[in-house]
Amino acid sequence: MTATSHGVSIGLEQKSEHIFLTLKARGKLTHEDYEAMVPMLTSAIEKVGHPKINVFMDAREFEGWEPRAAWDDFKLGVEYGREFNRIAVLSSKRWLQVAGKVGSWFIGGEYRTFESEPEAMAWLEEDT
């Protein structure tokens, strides 16, 4: 049996009402990954009156979610979706474009995929 590498690296910056979240997802995310990530995000959101969250996600090594983690992701979108302003995903995987379109039904902001990190960051910075 071979252990597969998975997880998420998280960066969180706050300036006034703006929260900038950076994620690097690797492998297939698990419920335990969300148990680590969600409290950090929740804490940052609760400290701000009307947060405006921009997200940069490096998903080049992302393979998807385990079923319970997919549910965790859905709940996160439903609970805090209005606070998400822009989500830029770095990936050339077609399924992430489709997943983003479905996920955008649950967020108040925009979702786009990019093949270039500088393009993604420029798009995110347009609105700050």
C-alpha atoms as a PDB file:
ATOM      1  CA  MET A   1       0.000   0.000   0.000  1.00  0.00           C
ATOM      2  CA  THR A   2       1.423   3.369  -1.019  1.00  0.00           C
ATOM      3  CA  ALA A   3       0.641   6.499   0.962  1.00  0.00           C
ATOM      4  CA  THR A   4      -0.353   9.394  -1.251  1.00  0.00           C
ATOM      5  CA  SER A   5       0.579  12.940  -0.415  1.00  0.00           C
ATOM      6  CA  HIS A   6      -2.260  15.362   0.172  1.00  0.00           C
ATOM      7  CA  GLY A   7      -2.954  18.558   2.026  1.00  0.00           C
ATOM      8  CA  VAL A   8      -3.308  22.274   1.790  1.00  0.00           C
ATOM      9  CA  SER A   9      -0.855  25.049   2.553  1.00  0.00           C
ATOM     10  CA  ILE A  10      -2.579  28.197   3.754  1.00  0.00           C
ATOM     11  CA  GLY A  11      -1.603  31.850   3.830  1.00  0.00           C
ATOM     12  CA  LEU A  12      -3.883  34.473   5.293  1.00  0.00           C
ATOM     13  CA  GLU A  13      -3.363  38.234   5.168  1.00  0.00           C
ATOM     14  CA  GLN A  14      -5.720  40.921   6.398  1.00  0.00           C
ATOM     15  CA  LYS A  15      -5.767  44.617   5.634  1.00  0.00           C
ATOM     16  CA  SER A  16      -8.795  46.533   6.831  1.00  0.00           C
ATOM     17  CA  GLU A  17     -11.881  44.796   5.409  1.00  0.00           C
ATOM     18  CA  HIS A  18      -9.828  42.856   2.849  1.00  0.00           C
ATOM     19  CA  ILE A  19      -8.731  39.290   3.464  1.00  0.00           C
ATOM     20  CA  PHE A  20      -6.309  37.649   1.048  1.00  0.00           C
ATOM     21  CA  LEU A  21      -6.259  33.875   1.257  1.00  0.00           C
ATOM     22  CA  THR A  22      -3.636  31.819  -0.550  1.00  0.00           C
ATOM     23  CA  LEU A  23      -4.000  28.073  -0.844  1.00  0.00           C
ATOM     24  CA  LYS A  24      -1.862  25.393  -2.393  1.00  0.00           C
ATOM     25  CA  ALA A  25      -3.798  22.159  -2.642  1.00  0.00           C
ATOM     26  CA  ARG A  26      -2.040  18.867  -3.282  1.00  0.00           C
ATOM     27  CA  GLY A  27      -3.567  15.467  -3.864  1.00  0.00           C
ATOM     28  CA  LYS A  28      -7.090  14.644  -2.758  1.00  0.00           C
ATOM     29  CA  LEU A  29      -8.285  16.850   0.110  1.00  0.00           C
ATOM     30  CA  THR A  30      -9.740  15.195   3.196  1.00  0.00           C
ATOM     31  CA  HIS A  31     -12.121  16.166   5.979  1.00  0.00           C
ATOM     32  CA  GLU A  32      -9.069  16.556   8.230  1.00  0.00           C
ATOM     33  CA  ASP A  33      -7.616  19.131   5.818  1.00  0.00           C
ATOM     34  CA  TYR A  34     -10.799  21.191   6.203  1.00  0.00           C
ATOM     35  CA  GLU A  35     -10.739  20.760   9.986  1.00  0.00           C
ATOM     36  CA  ALA A  36      -7.351  22.504   9.928  1.00  0.00           C
ATOM     37  CA  MET A  37      -8.238  25.204   7.395  1.00  0.00           C
ATOM     38  CA  VAL A  38     -11.784  26.301   8.285  1.00  0.00           C
ATOM     39  CA  PRO A  39     -11.100  27.527  11.869  1.00  0.00           C
ATOM     40  CA  MET A  40      -8.327  29.817  10.597  1.00  0.00           C
ATOM     41  CA  LEU A  41     -10.584  31.312   7.943  1.00  0.00           C
ATOM     42  CA  THR A  42     -13.526  31.579  10.338  1.00  0.00           C
ATOM     43  CA  SER A  43     -11.387  33.405  12.889  1.00  0.00           C
ATOM     44  CA  ALA A  44     -10.212  35.932  10.292  1.00  0.00           C
ATOM     45  CA  ILE A  45     -13.734  36.509   8.948  1.00  0.00           C
ATOM     46  CA  GLU A  46     -15.263  37.004  12.396  1.00  0.00           C
ATOM     47  CA  LYS A  47     -12.740  39.753  13.219  1.00  0.00           C
ATOM     48  CA  VAL A  48     -13.908  41.863  10.267  1.00  0.00           C
ATOM     49  CA  GLY A  49     -17.289  43.574  10.076  1.00  0.00           C
ATOM     50  CA  HIS A  50     -17.865  43.222   6.337  1.00  0.00           C
ATOM     51  CA  PRO A  51     -15.051  41.103   4.954  1.00  0.00           C
ATOM     52  CA  LYS A  52     -14.112  41.036   1.316  1.00  0.00           C
ATOM     53  CA  ILE A  53     -12.168  37.853   0.581  1.00  0.00           C
ATOM     54  CA  ASN A  54      -9.930  37.333  -2.430  1.00  0.00           C
ATOM     55  CA  VAL A  55      -8.487  33.851  -2.909  1.00  0.00           C
ATOM     56  CA  PHE A  56      -5.526  32.598  -4.887  1.00  0.00           C
ATOM     57  CA  MET A  57      -5.464  28.806  -5.130  1.00  0.00           C
ATOM     58  CA  ASP A  58      -2.587  26.912  -6.710  1.00  0.00           C
ATOM     59  CA  ALA A  59      -4.384  23.770  -7.856  1.00  0.00           C
ATOM     60  CA  ARG A  60      -1.781  22.388 -10.245  1.00  0.00           C
ATOM     61  CA  GLU A  61      -1.272  19.333  -7.971  1.00  0.00           C
ATOM     62  CA  PHE A  62      -4.897  19.163  -6.779  1.00  0.00           C
ATOM     63  CA  GLU A  63      -6.743  15.917  -7.532  1.00  0.00           C
ATOM     64  CA  GLY A  64     -10.119  16.615  -5.921  1.00  0.00           C
ATOM     65  CA  TRP A  65     -11.911  15.895  -2.676  1.00  0.00           C
ATOM     66  CA  GLU A  66     -12.822  12.861  -0.701  1.00  0.00           C
ATOM     67  CA  PRO A  67     -16.637  12.790  -0.321  1.00  0.00           C
ATOM     68  CA  ARG A  68     -16.711  14.221   3.203  1.00  0.00           C
ATOM     69  CA  ALA A  69     -14.242  16.958   2.224  1.00  0.00           C
ATOM     70  CA  ALA A  70     -16.421  17.873  -0.769  1.00  0.00           C
ATOM     71  CA  TRP A  71     -19.294  18.314   1.694  1.00  0.00           C
ATOM     72  CA  ASP A  72     -17.034  20.478   3.897  1.00  0.00           C
ATOM     73  CA  ASP A  73     -16.188  22.632   0.882  1.00  0.00           C
ATOM     74  CA  PHE A  74     -19.865  23.004   0.008  1.00  0.00           C
ATOM     75  CA  LYS A  75     -20.726  24.033   3.593  1.00  0.00           C
ATOM     76  CA  LEU A  76     -17.906  26.587   3.588  1.00  0.00           C
ATOM     77  CA  GLY A  77     -19.280  28.106   0.384  1.00  0.00           C
ATOM     78  CA  VAL A  78     -22.816  28.260   1.730  1.00  0.00           C
ATOM     79  CA  GLU A  79     -21.775  29.772   5.073  1.00  0.00           C
ATOM     80  CA  TYR A  80     -19.290  32.370   3.827  1.00  0.00           C
ATOM     81  CA  GLY A  81     -20.056  32.590   0.110  1.00  0.00           C
ATOM     82  CA  ARG A  82     -21.248  36.192   0.235  1.00  0.00           C
ATOM     83  CA  GLU A  83     -17.884  37.292   1.622  1.00  0.00           C
ATOM     84  CA  PHE A  84     -15.896  35.821  -1.282  1.00  0.00           C
ATOM     85  CA  ASN A  85     -15.091  38.537  -3.788  1.00  0.00           C
ATOM     86  CA  ARG A  86     -12.741  36.904  -6.287  1.00  0.00           C
ATOM     87  CA  ILE A  87     -11.319  33.406  -6.505  1.00  0.00           C
ATOM     88  CA  ALA A  88      -8.413  32.809  -8.886  1.00  0.00           C
ATOM     89  CA  VAL A  89      -7.441  29.181  -9.434  1.00  0.00           C
ATOM     90  CA  LEU A  90      -4.122  28.305 -11.039  1.00  0.00           C
ATOM     91  CA  SER A  91      -4.747  25.179 -13.092  1.00  0.00           C
ATOM     92  CA  SER A  92      -5.215  23.997 -16.650  1.00  0.00           C
ATOM     93  CA  LYS A  93      -7.559  21.182 -15.587  1.00  0.00           C
ATOM     94  CA  ARG A  94     -10.899  21.456 -17.354  1.00  0.00           C
ATOM     95  CA  TRP A  95     -12.819  19.833 -14.500  1.00  0.00           C
ATOM     96  CA  LEU A  96     -11.809  22.707 -12.200  1.00  0.00           C
ATOM     97  CA  GLN A  97     -13.351  25.186 -14.622  1.00  0.00           C
ATOM     98  CA  VAL A  98     -16.603  23.219 -14.487  1.00  0.00           C
ATOM     99  CA  ALA A  99     -16.417  22.840 -10.695  1.00  0.00           C
ATOM    100  CA  GLY A 100     -15.898  26.593 -10.430  1.00  0.00           C
ATOM    101  CA  LYS A 101     -19.013  27.326 -12.452  1.00  0.00           C
ATOM    102  CA  VAL A 102     -21.076  25.120 -10.170  1.00  0.00           C
ATOM    103  CA  GLY A 103     -19.401  26.545  -7.051  1.00  0.00           C
ATOM    104  CA  SER A 104     -20.015  30.106  -8.217  1.00  0.00           C
ATOM    105  CA  TRP A 105     -23.729  29.527  -7.591  1.00  0.00           C
ATOM    106  CA  PHE A 106     -22.884  29.587  -3.886  1.00  0.00           C
ATOM    107  CA  ILE A 107     -20.538  32.560  -3.738  1.00  0.00           C
ATOM    108  CA  GLY A 108     -21.205  36.237  -4.182  1.00  0.00           C
ATOM    109  CA  GLY A 109     -18.100  36.941  -6.228  1.00  0.00           C
ATOM    110  CA  GLU A 110     -16.279  35.821  -9.337  1.00  0.00           C
ATOM    111  CA  TYR A 111     -14.350  32.595  -9.997  1.00  0.00           C
ATOM    112  CA  ARG A 112     -11.785  32.211 -12.774  1.00  0.00           C
ATOM    113  CA  THR A 113      -9.109  29.710 -13.688  1.00  0.00           C
ATOM    114  CA  PHE A 114      -5.709  30.794 -14.959  1.00  0.00           C
ATOM    115  CA  GLU A 115      -2.698  29.035 -16.443  1.00  0.00           C
ATOM    116  CA  SER A 116      -0.336  31.821 -15.329  1.00  0.00           C
ATOM    117  CA  GLU A 117       0.240  32.965 -11.752  1.00  0.00           C
ATOM    118  CA  PRO A 118       1.066  36.580 -12.737  1.00  0.00           C
ATOM    119  CA  GLU A 119      -2.230  36.832 -14.669  1.00  0.00           C
ATOM    120  CA  ALA A 120      -4.174  35.431 -11.712  1.00  0.00           C
ATOM    121  CA  MET A 121      -2.526  37.814  -9.252  1.00  0.00           C
ATOM    122  CA  ALA A 122      -3.085  40.813 -11.546  1.00  0.00           C
ATOM    123  CA  TRP A 123      -6.784  39.948 -11.796  1.00  0.00           C
ATOM    124  CA  LEU A 124      -7.060  39.684  -8.003  1.00  0.00           C
ATOM    125  CA  GLU A 125      -5.254  42.986  -7.492  1.00  0.00           C
ATOM    126  CA  GLU A 126      -7.561  44.860  -9.904  1.00  0.00           C
ATOM    127  CA  ASP A 127     -10.195  44.969  -7.207  1.00  0.00           C
ATOM    128  CA  THR A 128      -8.170  45.909  -4.100  1.00  0.00           C
END
